[in-house]
């Protein structure tokens, strides 16, 4: 989540900047592996420098009708059903204004 990793998560939802976009890590978490907050630039440059050609790129927003298979807004289906989509509405949850995922298609030429 390259967009969201720069913000502090608070509930009720309030977006505050926690670190600059350029600060990618490593972030040391006791008793866990180091964590990185890669930027979109870092991911795409990794593909391009390995000889891939970018064919498509999408910012993908959360949609309530697509939360059964994957959605970090809800801890359970019961929580999702109780929420009735409010977490996917940017007017009620400012996080919903940001892309939840990014997707790209790349091809490596022989």
PDB file of N, CA and C in Angstrom:
ATOM      1  N   UNK A   1       0.832  -1.179   0.000  1.00  0.00           N
ATOM      2  CA  UNK A   1       0.000   0.000   0.000  1.00  0.00           C
ATOM      3  C   UNK A   1       0.881   1.248   0.000  1.00  0.00           C
ATOM      4  N   UNK A   2       1.484   1.544  -1.131  1.00  0.00           N
ATOM      5  CA  UNK A   2       2.459   2.633  -1.156  1.00  0.00           C
ATOM      6  C   UNK A   2       1.893   4.005  -0.829  1.00  0.00           C
ATOM      7  N   UNK A   3       0.630   4.239  -1.098  1.00  0.00           N
ATOM      8  CA  UNK A   3       0.059   5.536  -0.746  1.00  0.00           C
ATOM      9  C   UNK A   3      -0.173   5.629   0.754  1.00  0.00           C
ATOM     10  N   UNK A   4      -0.774   4.613   1.294  1.00  0.00           N
ATOM     11  CA  UNK A   4      -1.249   4.639   2.670  1.00  0.00           C
ATOM     12  C   UNK A   4      -0.123   4.476   3.678  1.00  0.00           C
ATOM     13  N   UNK A   5       1.008   3.884   3.275  1.00  0.00           N
ATOM     14  CA  UNK A   5       2.082   3.632   4.238  1.00  0.00           C
ATOM     15  C   UNK A   5       2.696   4.905   4.806  1.00  0.00           C
ATOM     16  N   UNK A   6       2.380   6.056   4.247  1.00  0.00           N
ATOM     17  CA  UNK A   6       2.922   7.324   4.742  1.00  0.00           C
ATOM     18  C   UNK A   6       2.030   7.977   5.788  1.00  0.00           C
ATOM     19  N   UNK A   7       0.883   7.401   6.032  1.00  0.00           N
ATOM     20  CA  UNK A   7      -0.087   8.024   6.921  1.00  0.00           C
ATOM     21  C   UNK A   7      -0.247   7.225   8.205  1.00  0.00           C
ATOM     22  N   UNK A   8      -0.722   7.903   9.220  1.00  0.00           N
ATOM     23  CA  UNK A   8      -1.025   7.285  10.491  1.00  0.00           C
ATOM     24  C   UNK A   8      -2.479   6.802  10.458  1.00  0.00           C
ATOM     25  N   UNK A   9      -2.717   5.592  10.887  1.00  0.00           N
ATOM     26  CA  UNK A   9      -4.073   5.056  10.885  1.00  0.00           C
ATOM     27  C   UNK A   9      -4.723   5.365  12.229  1.00  0.00           C
ATOM     28  N   UNK A  10      -5.815   6.069  12.187  1.00  0.00           N
ATOM     29  CA  UNK A  10      -6.553   6.408  13.406  1.00  0.00           C
ATOM     30  C   UNK A  10      -8.033   6.130  13.186  1.00  0.00           C
ATOM     31  N   UNK A  11      -8.710   5.779  14.238  1.00  0.00           N
ATOM     32  CA  UNK A  11     -10.150   5.619  14.188  1.00  0.00           C
ATOM     33  C   UNK A  11     -10.741   6.388  15.352  1.00  0.00           C
ATOM     34  N   UNK A  12     -11.744   7.254  15.131  1.00  0.00           N
ATOM     35  CA  UNK A  12     -12.389   7.446  13.842  1.00  0.00           C
ATOM     36  C   UNK A  12     -11.401   7.967  12.810  1.00  0.00           C
ATOM     37  N   UNK A  13     -11.674   7.675  11.530  1.00  0.00           N
ATOM     38  CA  UNK A  13     -10.715   8.000  10.480  1.00  0.00           C
ATOM     39  C   UNK A  13     -10.321   9.471  10.454  1.00  0.00           C
ATOM     40  N   UNK A  14      -9.022   9.678  10.488  1.00  0.00           N
ATOM     41  CA  UNK A  14      -8.451  11.006  10.369  1.00  0.00           C
ATOM     42  C   UNK A  14      -7.078  10.798   9.748  1.00  0.00           C
ATOM     43  N   UNK A  15      -6.814  11.445   8.657  1.00  0.00           N
ATOM     44  CA  UNK A  15      -5.548  11.252   7.970  1.00  0.00           C
ATOM     45  C   UNK A  15      -4.530  12.280   8.463  1.00  0.00           C
ATOM     46  N   UNK A  16      -3.420  11.774   8.966  1.00  0.00           N
ATOM     47  CA  UNK A  16      -2.302  12.628   9.336  1.00  0.00           C
ATOM     48  C   UNK A  16      -1.034  12.015   8.744  1.00  0.00           C
ATOM     49  N   UNK A  17      -0.144  12.855   8.274  1.00  0.00           N
ATOM     50  CA  UNK A  17       1.107  12.362   7.689  1.00  0.00           C
ATOM     51  C   UNK A  17       2.013  11.899   8.811  1.00  0.00           C
ATOM     52  N   UNK A  18       2.544  10.693   8.661  1.00  0.00           N
ATOM     53  CA  UNK A  18       3.404  10.101   9.673  1.00  0.00           C
ATOM     54  C   UNK A  18       4.876  10.163   9.286  1.00  0.00           C
ATOM     55  N   UNK A  19       5.178  10.115   7.973  1.00  0.00           N
ATOM     56  CA  UNK A  19       6.556  10.165   7.511  1.00  0.00           C
ATOM     57  C   UNK A  19       6.579  10.647   6.069  1.00  0.00           C
ATOM     58  N   UNK A  20       7.727  11.178   5.625  1.00  0.00           N
ATOM     59  CA  UNK A  20       7.801  11.647   4.244  1.00  0.00           C
ATOM     60  C   UNK A  20       7.755  10.491   3.250  1.00  0.00           C
ATOM     61  N   UNK A  21       7.339  10.780   2.057  1.00  0.00           N
ATOM     62  CA  UNK A  21       7.191   9.768   1.013  1.00  0.00           C
ATOM     63  C   UNK A  21       8.523   9.096   0.699  1.00  0.00           C
ATOM     64  N   UNK A  22       9.623   9.836   0.803  1.00  0.00           N
ATOM     65  CA  UNK A  22      10.942   9.298   0.461  1.00  0.00           C
ATOM     66  C   UNK A  22      11.488   8.339   1.511  1.00  0.00           C
ATOM     67  N   UNK A  23      10.933   8.331   2.698  1.00  0.00           N
ATOM     68  CA  UNK A  23      11.429   7.471   3.767  1.00  0.00           C
ATOM     69  C   UNK A  23      10.883   6.062   3.570  1.00  0.00           C
ATOM     70  N   UNK A  24      11.736   5.169   3.063  1.00  0.00           N
ATOM     71  CA  UNK A  24      11.277   3.824   2.714  1.00  0.00           C
ATOM     72  C   UNK A  24      11.698   2.745   3.706  1.00  0.00           C
ATOM     73  N   UNK A  25      12.604   3.041   4.597  1.00  0.00           N
ATOM     74  CA  UNK A  25      13.015   2.045   5.573  1.00  0.00           C
ATOM     75  C   UNK A  25      14.478   1.667   5.388  1.00  0.00           C
ATOM     76  N   UNK A  26      14.930   0.646   6.067  1.00  0.00           N
ATOM     77  CA  UNK A  26      14.126  -0.331   6.801  1.00  0.00           C
ATOM     78  C   UNK A  26      13.617   0.214   8.136  1.00  0.00           C
ATOM     79  N   UNK A  27      12.445  -0.257   8.514  1.00  0.00           N
ATOM     80  CA  UNK A  27      11.857   0.065   9.795  1.00  0.00           C
ATOM     81  C   UNK A  27      12.001  -1.186  10.664  1.00  0.00           C
ATOM     82  N   UNK A  28      12.666  -1.039  11.788  1.00  0.00           N
ATOM     83  CA  UNK A  28      12.949  -2.176  12.661  1.00  0.00           C
ATOM     84  C   UNK A  28      11.786  -2.379  13.627  1.00  0.00           C
ATOM     85  N   UNK A  29      11.230  -3.555  13.580  1.00  0.00           N
ATOM     86  CA  UNK A  29      10.115  -3.920  14.450  1.00  0.00           C
ATOM     87  C   UNK A  29      10.625  -5.031  15.367  1.00  0.00           C
ATOM     88  N   UNK A  30      10.627  -4.819  16.684  1.00  0.00           N
ATOM     89  CA  UNK A  30      11.150  -5.834  17.601  1.00  0.00           C
ATOM     90  C   UNK A  30      10.499  -7.199  17.389  1.00  0.00           C
ATOM     91  N   UNK A  31      11.322  -8.228  17.360  1.00  0.00           N
ATOM     92  CA  UNK A  31      10.888  -9.626  17.229  1.00  0.00           C
ATOM     93  C   UNK A  31      10.202  -9.924  15.905  1.00  0.00           C
ATOM     94  N   UNK A  32      10.427  -9.079  14.894  1.00  0.00           N
ATOM     95  CA  UNK A  32       9.860  -9.316  13.568  1.00  0.00           C
ATOM     96  C   UNK A  32      10.910  -8.972  12.520  1.00  0.00           C
ATOM     97  N   UNK A  33      10.627  -9.317  11.294  1.00  0.00           N
ATOM     98  CA  UNK A  33      11.511  -8.937  10.193  1.00  0.00           C
ATOM     99  C   UNK A  33      11.412  -7.436   9.949  1.00  0.00           C
ATOM    100  N   UNK A  34      12.477  -6.857   9.403  1.00  0.00           N
ATOM    101  CA  UNK A  34      12.427  -5.441   9.044  1.00  0.00           C
ATOM    102  C   UNK A  34      11.336  -5.216   8.007  1.00  0.00           C
ATOM    103  N   UNK A  35      10.781  -4.029   8.034  1.00  0.00           N
ATOM    104  CA  UNK A  35       9.694  -3.683   7.112  1.00  0.00           C
ATOM    105  C   UNK A  35      10.138  -2.501   6.254  1.00  0.00           C
ATOM    106  N   UNK A  36       9.677  -2.498   5.016  1.00  0.00           N
ATOM    107  CA  UNK A  36       9.951  -1.403   4.092  1.00  0.00           C
ATOM    108  C   UNK A  36       8.630  -0.824   3.597  1.00  0.00           C
ATOM    109  N   UNK A  37       8.640   0.440   3.281  1.00  0.00           N
ATOM    110  CA  UNK A  37       7.461   1.108   2.714  1.00  0.00           C
ATOM    111  C   UNK A  37       7.848   1.562   1.308  1.00  0.00           C
ATOM    112  N   UNK A  38       7.802   0.634   0.370  1.00  0.00           N
ATOM    113  CA  UNK A  38       8.228   0.938  -0.992  1.00  0.00           C
ATOM    114  C   UNK A  38       7.281   1.921  -1.649  1.00  0.00           C
ATOM    115  N   UNK A  39       7.856   2.794  -2.446  1.00  0.00           N
ATOM    116  CA  UNK A  39       7.073   3.743  -3.237  1.00  0.00           C
ATOM    117  C   UNK A  39       6.688   3.079  -4.557  1.00  0.00           C
ATOM    118  N   UNK A  40       5.713   3.617  -5.218  1.00  0.00           N
ATOM    119  CA  UNK A  40       5.332   3.110  -6.537  1.00  0.00           C
ATOM    120  C   UNK A  40       6.537   3.182  -7.464  1.00  0.00           C
ATOM    121  N   UNK A  41       7.266   4.276  -7.383  1.00  0.00           N
ATOM    122  CA  UNK A  41       8.476   4.451  -8.183  1.00  0.00           C
ATOM    123  C   UNK A  41       9.441   3.283  -7.981  1.00  0.00           C
ATOM    124  N   UNK A  42       9.644   2.862  -6.750  1.00  0.00           N
ATOM    125  CA  UNK A  42      10.576   1.767  -6.460  1.00  0.00           C
ATOM    126  C   UNK A  42      10.125   0.468  -7.116  1.00  0.00           C
ATOM    127  N   UNK A  43       8.835   0.196  -7.053  1.00  0.00           N
ATOM    128  CA  UNK A  43       8.320  -1.044  -7.634  1.00  0.00           C
ATOM    129  C   UNK A  43       8.429  -1.033  -9.158  1.00  0.00           C
ATOM    130  N   UNK A  44       8.019   0.070  -9.766  1.00  0.00           N
ATOM    131  CA  UNK A  44       8.066   0.142 -11.228  1.00  0.00           C
ATOM    132  C   UNK A  44       9.502   0.200 -11.742  1.00  0.00           C
ATOM    133  N   UNK A  45      10.378   0.922 -11.056  1.00  0.00           N
ATOM    134  CA  UNK A  45      11.784   0.963 -11.475  1.00  0.00           C
ATOM    135  C   UNK A  45      12.428  -0.417 -11.370  1.00  0.00           C
ATOM    136  N   UNK A  46      12.020  -1.207 -10.399  1.00  0.00           N
ATOM    137  CA  UNK A  46      12.522  -2.574 -10.281  1.00  0.00           C
ATOM    138  C   UNK A  46      12.171  -3.405 -11.503  1.00  0.00           C
ATOM    139  N   UNK A  47      10.942  -3.272 -11.962  1.00  0.00           N
ATOM    140  CA  UNK A  47      10.530  -3.989 -13.180  1.00  0.00           C
ATOM    141  C   UNK A  47      11.299  -3.494 -14.408  1.00  0.00           C
ATOM    142  N   UNK A  48      11.354  -2.182 -14.561  1.00  0.00           N
ATOM    143  CA  UNK A  48      11.993  -1.604 -15.740  1.00  0.00           C
ATOM    144  C   UNK A  48      13.495  -1.919 -15.781  1.00  0.00           C
ATOM    145  N   UNK A  49      14.168  -1.842 -14.642  1.00  0.00           N
ATOM    146  CA  UNK A  49      15.605  -2.108 -14.619  1.00  0.00           C
ATOM    147  C   UNK A  49      15.917  -3.590 -14.846  1.00  0.00           C
ATOM    148  N   UNK A  50      14.928  -4.454 -14.647  1.00  0.00           N
ATOM    149  CA  UNK A  50      15.112  -5.886 -14.911  1.00  0.00           C
ATOM    150  C   UNK A  50      14.754  -6.243 -16.351  1.00  0.00           C
ATOM    151  N   UNK A  51      14.456  -5.229 -17.168  1.00  0.00           N
ATOM    152  CA  UNK A  51      14.196  -5.479 -18.584  1.00  0.00           C
ATOM    153  C   UNK A  51      12.738  -5.710 -18.944  1.00  0.00           C
ATOM    154  N   UNK A  52      11.830  -5.431 -18.021  1.00  0.00           N
ATOM    155  CA  UNK A  52      10.413  -5.584 -18.324  1.00  0.00           C
ATOM    156  C   UNK A  52       9.875  -4.327 -18.994  1.00  0.00           C
ATOM    157  N   UNK A  53       8.874  -4.491 -19.813  1.00  0.00           N
ATOM    158  CA  UNK A  53       8.155  -3.378 -20.423  1.00  0.00           C
ATOM    159  C   UNK A  53       6.792  -3.292 -19.751  1.00  0.00           C
ATOM    160  N   UNK A  54       6.467  -2.114 -19.265  1.00  0.00           N
ATOM    161  CA  UNK A  54       5.180  -1.916 -18.602  1.00  0.00           C
ATOM    162  C   UNK A  54       4.076  -1.871 -19.655  1.00  0.00           C
ATOM    163  N   UNK A  55       3.099  -2.749 -19.534  1.00  0.00           N
ATOM    164  CA  UNK A  55       1.997  -2.833 -20.501  1.00  0.00           C
ATOM    165  C   UNK A  55       0.726  -2.163 -19.993  1.00  0.00           C
ATOM    166  N   UNK A  56       0.533  -2.153 -18.674  1.00  0.00           N
ATOM    167  CA  UNK A  56      -0.685  -1.572 -18.112  1.00  0.00           C
ATOM    168  C   UNK A  56      -0.429  -1.245 -16.646  1.00  0.00           C
ATOM    169  N   UNK A  57      -1.123  -0.245 -16.145  1.00  0.00           N
ATOM    170  CA  UNK A  57      -1.018   0.145 -14.735  1.00  0.00           C
ATOM    171  C   UNK A  57      -2.382   0.645 -14.287  1.00  0.00           C
ATOM    172  N   UNK A  58      -2.788   0.258 -13.086  1.00  0.00           N
ATOM    173  CA  UNK A  58      -4.081   0.689 -12.546  1.00  0.00           C
ATOM    174  C   UNK A  58      -3.961   1.010 -11.065  1.00  0.00           C
ATOM    175  N   UNK A  59      -4.573   2.110 -10.631  1.00  0.00           N
ATOM    176  CA  UNK A  59      -4.834   2.361  -9.223  1.00  0.00           C
ATOM    177  C   UNK A  59      -6.206   1.765  -8.958  1.00  0.00           C
ATOM    178  N   UNK A  60      -6.309   0.908  -7.967  1.00  0.00           N
ATOM    179  CA  UNK A  60      -7.557   0.194  -7.721  1.00  0.00           C
ATOM    180  C   UNK A  60      -8.125   0.641  -6.384  1.00  0.00           C
ATOM    181  N   UNK A  61      -9.335   1.173  -6.435  1.00  0.00           N
ATOM    182  CA  UNK A  61     -10.008   1.640  -5.219  1.00  0.00           C
ATOM    183  C   UNK A  61     -10.828   0.519  -4.607  1.00  0.00           C
ATOM    184  N   UNK A  62     -11.016   0.608  -3.306  1.00  0.00           N
ATOM    185  CA  UNK A  62     -11.857  -0.359  -2.609  1.00  0.00           C
ATOM    186  C   UNK A  62     -13.303  -0.180  -3.046  1.00  0.00           C
ATOM    187  N   UNK A  63     -13.971  -1.293  -3.249  1.00  0.00           N
ATOM    188  CA  UNK A  63     -15.397  -1.272  -3.583  1.00  0.00           C
ATOM    189  C   UNK A  63     -16.109  -2.227  -2.625  1.00  0.00           C
ATOM    190  N   UNK A  64     -17.230  -1.797  -2.119  1.00  0.00           N
ATOM    191  CA  UNK A  64     -17.965  -2.626  -1.156  1.00  0.00           C
ATOM    192  C   UNK A  64     -18.353  -3.974  -1.766  1.00  0.00           C
ATOM    193  N   UNK A  65     -18.694  -3.998  -3.051  1.00  0.00           N
ATOM    194  CA  UNK A  65     -19.107  -5.262  -3.674  1.00  0.00           C
ATOM    195  C   UNK A  65     -17.929  -6.195  -3.951  1.00  0.00           C
ATOM    196  N   UNK A  66     -16.706  -5.760  -3.629  1.00  0.00           N
ATOM    197  CA  UNK A  66     -15.522  -6.575  -3.869  1.00  0.00           C
ATOM    198  C   UNK A  66     -14.754  -6.826  -2.570  1.00  0.00           C
ATOM    199  N   UNK A  67     -15.431  -6.808  -1.446  1.00  0.00           N
ATOM    200  CA  UNK A  67     -14.740  -6.939  -0.162  1.00  0.00           C
ATOM    201  C   UNK A  67     -14.767  -8.353   0.408  1.00  0.00           C
ATOM    202  N   UNK A  68     -15.486  -9.263  -0.204  1.00  0.00           N
ATOM    203  CA  UNK A  68     -15.539 -10.611   0.347  1.00  0.00           C
ATOM    204  C   UNK A  68     -14.194 -11.328   0.224  1.00  0.00           C
ATOM    205  N   UNK A  69     -13.480 -11.112  -0.882  1.00  0.00           N
ATOM    206  CA  UNK A  69     -12.243 -11.846  -1.085  1.00  0.00           C
ATOM    207  C   UNK A  69     -11.025 -11.155  -0.501  1.00  0.00           C
ATOM    208  N   UNK A  70     -11.033  -9.836  -0.424  1.00  0.00           N
ATOM    209  CA  UNK A  70      -9.861  -9.128   0.089  1.00  0.00           C
ATOM    210  C   UNK A  70     -10.238  -7.691   0.439  1.00  0.00           C
ATOM    211  N   UNK A  71     -10.031  -7.347   1.672  1.00  0.00           N
ATOM    212  CA  UNK A  71     -10.234  -5.962   2.071  1.00  0.00           C
ATOM    213  C   UNK A  71      -9.705  -5.778   3.476  1.00  0.00           C
ATOM    214  N   UNK A  72      -8.785  -4.871   3.642  1.00  0.00           N
ATOM    215  CA  UNK A  72      -8.204  -4.646   4.959  1.00  0.00           C
ATOM    216  C   UNK A  72      -9.053  -3.737   5.833  1.00  0.00           C
ATOM    217  N   UNK A  73     -10.144  -3.188   5.296  1.00  0.00           N
ATOM    218  CA  UNK A  73     -11.014  -2.341   6.114  1.00  0.00           C
ATOM    219  C   UNK A  73     -11.719  -3.141   7.202  1.00  0.00           C
ATOM    220  N   UNK A  74     -11.975  -4.404   6.951  1.00  0.00           N
ATOM    221  CA  UNK A  74     -12.804  -5.194   7.869  1.00  0.00           C
ATOM    222  C   UNK A  74     -12.036  -6.376   8.428  1.00  0.00           C
ATOM    223  N   UNK A  75     -12.229  -6.637   9.709  1.00  0.00           N
ATOM    224  CA  UNK A  75     -11.595  -7.786  10.355  1.00  0.00           C
ATOM    225  C   UNK A  75     -12.407  -9.062  10.140  1.00  0.00           C
ATOM    226  N   UNK A  76     -13.683  -8.932   9.797  1.00  0.00           N
ATOM    227  CA  UNK A  76     -14.537 -10.106   9.606  1.00  0.00           C
ATOM    228  C   UNK A  76     -15.688  -9.755   8.664  1.00  0.00           C
ATOM    229  N   UNK A  77     -16.357 -10.775   8.175  1.00  0.00           N
ATOM    230  CA  UNK A  77     -17.531 -10.549   7.322  1.00  0.00           C
ATOM    231  C   UNK A  77     -18.661  -9.906   8.118  1.00  0.00           C
ATOM    232  N   UNK A  78     -18.774 -10.261   9.397  1.00  0.00           N
ATOM    233  CA  UNK A  78     -19.809  -9.658  10.240  1.00  0.00           C
ATOM    234  C   UNK A  78     -19.574  -8.147  10.362  1.00  0.00           C
ATOM    235  N   UNK A  79     -18.322  -7.757  10.524  1.00  0.00           N
ATOM    236  CA  UNK A  79     -17.991  -6.331  10.602  1.00  0.00           C
ATOM    237  C   UNK A  79     -18.305  -5.639   9.275  1.00  0.00           C
ATOM    238  N   UNK A  80     -17.994  -6.307   8.178  1.00  0.00           N
ATOM    239  CA  UNK A  80     -18.283  -5.768   6.845  1.00  0.00           C
ATOM    240  C   UNK A  80     -19.779  -5.550   6.664  1.00  0.00           C
ATOM    241  N   UNK A  81     -20.565  -6.549   7.020  1.00  0.00           N
ATOM    242  CA  UNK A  81     -22.015  -6.443   6.845  1.00  0.00           C
ATOM    243  C   UNK A  81     -22.618  -5.355   7.732  1.00  0.00           C
ATOM    244  N   UNK A  82     -22.107  -5.220   8.944  1.00  0.00           N
ATOM    245  CA  UNK A  82     -22.594  -4.174   9.851  1.00  0.00           C
ATOM    246  C   UNK A  82     -22.263  -2.781   9.312  1.00  0.00           C
ATOM    247  N   UNK A  83     -21.106  -2.651   8.699  1.00  0.00           N
ATOM    248  CA  UNK A  83     -20.659  -1.368   8.153  1.00  0.00           C
ATOM    249  C   UNK A  83     -21.476  -0.944   6.933  1.00  0.00           C
ATOM    250  N   UNK A  84     -21.959  -1.900   6.163  1.00  0.00           N
ATOM    251  CA  UNK A  84     -22.800  -1.643   4.974  1.00  0.00           C
ATOM    252  C   UNK A  84     -22.140  -0.705   3.970  1.00  0.00           C
ATOM    253  N   UNK A  85     -20.824  -0.801   3.842  1.00  0.00           N
ATOM    254  CA  UNK A  85     -20.133  -0.038   2.810  1.00  0.00           C
ATOM    255  C   UNK A  85     -19.645   1.334   3.192  1.00  0.00           C
ATOM    256  N   UNK A  86     -19.892   1.764   4.426  1.00  0.00           N
ATOM    257  CA  UNK A  86     -19.448   3.102   4.823  1.00  0.00           C
ATOM    258  C   UNK A  86     -17.930   3.269   4.710  1.00  0.00           C
ATOM    259  N   UNK A  87     -17.184   2.212   4.984  1.00  0.00           N
ATOM    260  CA  UNK A  87     -15.725   2.305   4.915  1.00  0.00           C
ATOM    261  C   UNK A  87     -15.211   2.507   3.499  1.00  0.00           C
ATOM    262  N   UNK A  88     -16.018   2.191   2.507  1.00  0.00           N
ATOM    263  CA  UNK A  88     -15.620   2.387   1.112  1.00  0.00           C
ATOM    264  C   UNK A  88     -16.110   3.724   0.559  1.00  0.00           C
ATOM    265  N   UNK A  89     -16.772   4.518   1.363  1.00  0.00           N
ATOM    266  CA  UNK A  89     -17.291   5.825   0.956  1.00  0.00           C
ATOM    267  C   UNK A  89     -16.352   6.911   1.475  1.00  0.00           C
ATOM    268  N   UNK A  90     -15.683   7.612   0.592  1.00  0.00           N
ATOM    269  CA  UNK A  90     -14.685   8.610   0.997  1.00  0.00           C
ATOM    270  C   UNK A  90     -15.268   9.730   1.855  1.00  0.00           C
ATOM    271  N   UNK A  91     -16.576   9.970   1.744  1.00  0.00           N
ATOM    272  CA  UNK A  91     -17.191  11.022   2.561  1.00  0.00           C
ATOM    273  C   UNK A  91     -17.281  10.611   4.023  1.00  0.00           C
ATOM    274  N   UNK A  92     -17.302   9.307   4.284  1.00  0.00           N
ATOM    275  CA  UNK A  92     -17.377   8.808   5.655  1.00  0.00           C
ATOM    276  C   UNK A  92     -16.033   8.268   6.145  1.00  0.00           C
ATOM    277  N   UNK A  93     -15.180   7.876   5.210  1.00  0.00           N
ATOM    278  CA  UNK A  93     -13.862   7.345   5.534  1.00  0.00           C
ATOM    279  C   UNK A  93     -12.852   7.953   4.574  1.00  0.00           C
ATOM    280  N   UNK A  94     -12.063   8.936   5.003  1.00  0.00           N
ATOM    281  CA  UNK A  94     -11.125   9.597   4.097  1.00  0.00           C
ATOM    282  C   UNK A  94     -10.136   8.640   3.429  1.00  0.00           C
ATOM    283  N   UNK A  95      -9.836   7.503   4.070  1.00  0.00           N
ATOM    284  CA  UNK A  95      -8.927   6.526   3.463  1.00  0.00           C
ATOM    285  C   UNK A  95      -9.468   5.997   2.142  1.00  0.00           C
ATOM    286  N   UNK A  96     -10.767   5.950   1.994  1.00  0.00           N
ATOM    287  CA  UNK A  96     -11.367   5.401   0.779  1.00  0.00           C
ATOM    288  C   UNK A  96     -11.101   6.270  -0.441  1.00  0.00           C
ATOM    289  N   UNK A  97     -10.640   7.499  -0.242  1.00  0.00           N
ATOM    290  CA  UNK A  97     -10.302   8.362  -1.375  1.00  0.00           C
ATOM    291  C   UNK A  97      -8.979   7.948  -2.026  1.00  0.00           C
ATOM    292  N   UNK A  98      -8.175   7.163  -1.322  1.00  0.00           N
ATOM    293  CA  UNK A  98      -6.887   6.708  -1.845  1.00  0.00           C
ATOM    294  C   UNK A  98      -7.020   5.315  -2.441  1.00  0.00           C
ATOM    295  N   UNK A  99      -6.202   4.991  -3.423  1.00  0.00           N
ATOM    296  CA  UNK A  99      -6.241   3.625  -3.964  1.00  0.00           C
ATOM    297  C   UNK A  99      -5.890   2.616  -2.878  1.00  0.00           C
ATOM    298  N   UNK A 100      -6.568   1.485  -2.901  1.00  0.00           N
ATOM    299  CA  UNK A 100      -6.268   0.437  -1.935  1.00  0.00           C
ATOM    300  C   UNK A 100      -5.179  -0.493  -2.464  1.00  0.00           C
ATOM    301  N   UNK A 101      -5.174  -0.693  -3.767  1.00  0.00           N
ATOM    302  CA  UNK A 101      -4.180  -1.555  -4.404  1.00  0.00           C
ATOM    303  C   UNK A 101      -3.668  -0.865  -5.648  1.00  0.00           C
ATOM    304  N   UNK A 102      -2.558  -1.358  -6.147  1.00  0.00           N
ATOM    305  CA  UNK A 102      -2.130  -0.974  -7.478  1.00  0.00           C
ATOM    306  C   UNK A 102      -1.900  -2.266  -8.240  1.00  0.00           C
ATOM    307  N   UNK A 103      -2.115  -2.189  -9.515  1.00  0.00           N
ATOM    308  CA  UNK A 103      -1.918  -3.364 -10.348  1.00  0.00           C
ATOM    309  C   UNK A 103      -1.196  -2.968 -11.618  1.00  0.00           C
ATOM    310  N   UNK A 104      -0.334  -3.835 -12.068  1.00  0.00           N
ATOM    311  CA  UNK A 104       0.333  -3.556 -13.330  1.00  0.00           C
ATOM    312  C   UNK A 104       0.582  -4.866 -14.058  1.00  0.00           C
ATOM    313  N   UNK A 105       0.733  -4.757 -15.351  1.00  0.00           N
ATOM    314  CA  UNK A 105       1.097  -5.882 -16.196  1.00  0.00           C
ATOM    315  C   UNK A 105       2.394  -5.494 -16.896  1.00  0.00           C
ATOM    316  N   UNK A 106       3.364  -6.390 -16.829  1.00  0.00           N
ATOM    317  CA  UNK A 106       4.658  -6.139 -17.458  1.00  0.00           C
ATOM    318  C   UNK A 106       5.071  -7.390 -18.214  1.00  0.00           C
ATOM    319  N   UNK A 107       5.858  -7.191 -19.251  1.00  0.00           N
ATOM    320  CA  UNK A 107       6.309  -8.301 -20.071  1.00  0.00           C
ATOM    321  C   UNK A 107       7.801  -8.163 -20.298  1.00  0.00           C
ATOM    322  N   UNK A 108       8.509  -9.281 -20.189  1.00  0.00           N
ATOM    323  CA  UNK A 108       9.945  -9.248 -20.436  1.00  0.00           C
ATOM    324  C   UNK A 108      10.205  -9.790 -21.839  1.00  0.00           C
ATOM    325  N   UNK A 109      10.853  -8.980 -22.623  1.00  0.00           N
ATOM    326  CA  UNK A 109      11.188  -9.387 -23.987  1.00  0.00           C
ATOM    327  C   UNK A 109      12.365 -10.353 -23.940  1.00  0.00           C
ATOM    328  N   UNK A 110      12.394 -11.272 -24.890  1.00  0.00           N
ATOM    329  CA  UNK A 110      13.490 -12.258 -24.936  1.00  0.00           C
ATOM    330  C   UNK A 110      14.710 -11.683 -25.597  1.00  0.00           C
TER     331      UNK A 110
END
